[in-house]
Protein backbone atom coordinates (compact mmCIF):
# COMPACT_ATOMS: atom_id res chain seq x y z
CA MET A 1 -12.20 -162.14 -17.98
CA ASN A 2 -8.98 -160.17 -17.62
CA ILE A 3 -8.88 -157.41 -20.21
CA LYS A 4 -5.55 -155.66 -20.43
CA ILE A 5 -4.82 -152.21 -21.74
CA PRO A 6 -2.22 -151.84 -24.51
CA ALA A 7 0.45 -150.48 -22.13
CA GLU A 8 0.15 -153.61 -19.97
CA ILE A 9 0.54 -155.88 -22.98
CA GLN A 10 3.54 -153.88 -24.19
CA GLU A 11 5.23 -154.21 -20.80
CA GLU A 12 4.53 -157.95 -20.67
CA ILE A 13 6.01 -158.48 -24.12
CA ALA A 14 9.05 -156.39 -23.19
CA GLY A 15 9.52 -158.54 -20.09
CA ARG A 16 9.31 -161.71 -22.17
CA VAL A 17 11.88 -160.37 -24.63
CA LYS A 18 14.24 -159.43 -21.80
CA LYS A 19 13.86 -162.87 -20.23
CA LEU A 20 14.46 -164.59 -23.57
CA ARG A 21 17.48 -162.38 -24.26
CA LYS A 22 19.01 -163.30 -20.91
CA LYS A 23 18.19 -166.99 -21.40
CA GLN A 24 20.14 -166.87 -24.65
CA GLN A 25 22.97 -165.14 -22.76
CA LEU A 26 22.88 -162.01 -24.88
CA THR A 27 23.62 -158.55 -23.57
CA GLN A 28 21.48 -155.64 -24.68
CA ALA A 29 24.38 -154.43 -26.80
CA GLU A 30 24.75 -157.82 -28.49
CA LEU A 31 21.05 -158.11 -29.25
CA ALA A 32 20.97 -154.55 -30.56
CA GLN A 33 23.94 -155.23 -32.84
CA LYS A 34 22.59 -158.56 -34.14
CA SER A 35 19.10 -157.18 -34.77
CA GLY A 36 20.09 -153.83 -36.23
CA VAL A 37 17.99 -152.05 -33.61
CA SER A 38 19.70 -149.21 -31.78
CA LEU A 39 20.82 -149.90 -28.23
CA ALA A 40 18.78 -146.92 -27.04
CA SER A 41 15.62 -148.35 -28.66
CA LEU A 42 16.21 -151.76 -27.10
CA LYS A 43 16.79 -150.24 -23.65
CA ARG A 44 13.65 -148.11 -23.95
CA PHE A 45 11.68 -151.18 -25.00
CA GLU A 46 12.87 -153.30 -22.09
CA GLN A 47 12.19 -150.47 -19.63
CA LYS A 48 8.95 -149.00 -20.98
CA GLY A 49 7.62 -151.46 -23.55
CA LYS A 50 7.77 -148.91 -26.36
CA ILE A 51 9.24 -149.87 -29.74
CA ALA A 52 8.46 -149.64 -33.44
CA PHE A 53 6.76 -152.76 -34.77
CA GLY A 54 9.50 -153.32 -37.37
CA SER A 55 12.13 -153.20 -34.65
CA LEU A 56 10.18 -155.68 -32.57
CA LEU A 57 10.11 -158.06 -35.53
CA LYS A 58 13.88 -157.74 -35.96
CA ILE A 59 14.44 -158.53 -32.29
CA ALA A 60 12.04 -161.47 -32.44
CA TYR A 61 13.88 -162.81 -35.49
CA VAL A 62 17.24 -162.79 -33.70
CA LEU A 63 15.69 -164.43 -30.62
CA ASN A 64 13.99 -167.05 -32.83
CA ALA A 65 10.60 -165.88 -31.58
CA LEU A 66 8.75 -164.88 -34.76
CA GLU A 67 6.19 -167.66 -34.41
CA GLY A 68 2.79 -166.15 -33.83
CA PHE A 69 3.38 -162.81 -35.53
CA GLU A 70 1.99 -164.12 -38.82
CA GLU A 71 -1.26 -164.98 -37.09
CA LEU A 72 -1.88 -161.40 -35.94
CA PHE A 73 -5.00 -160.03 -37.61
CA ARG A 74 -5.27 -163.01 -39.96
CA THR A 75 -8.78 -163.39 -41.30
CA PRO A 76 -10.13 -166.93 -41.31
CA LYS A 77 -10.76 -168.11 -44.87
CA ASP A 78 -14.41 -168.91 -44.20
CA LEU A 79 -15.20 -165.50 -42.74
CA PRO A 80 -17.50 -163.42 -44.98
CA LYS A 81 -15.73 -160.51 -46.66
CA SER A 82 -18.65 -158.13 -46.43
CA LEU A 83 -22.08 -157.55 -44.94
CA ASP A 84 -23.59 -158.24 -48.38
CA GLU A 85 -22.05 -161.72 -48.33
CA ILE A 86 -23.63 -162.42 -44.94
CA ILE A 87 -27.05 -161.31 -46.21
CA LYS A 88 -26.75 -163.44 -49.36
CA LYS A 89 -25.85 -166.52 -47.30
CA LYS A 90 -28.85 -166.00 -45.03
CA GLN A 91 -31.21 -165.64 -48.02
CA LYS A 92 -30.17 -169.01 -49.47
């Protein structure tokens, strides 16, 4: 099992964004302008993987890459809401 630290994941995502940006033939300045994210923030993200979550969503929207974000931290509907619920189910 390959467990990654947050910084590694951030850098991987930044690399994917950069690759997608280039594939769509957008410069950093163009993506920054279209997304409403400052050019400095976009450059820092592509270099270091650091960006505000809201800015990342804006960039993903412009790159048509929002799919998957809605699944982050989603709780399955059948998952118990509390420990009490688990205990009640076991007692039945």
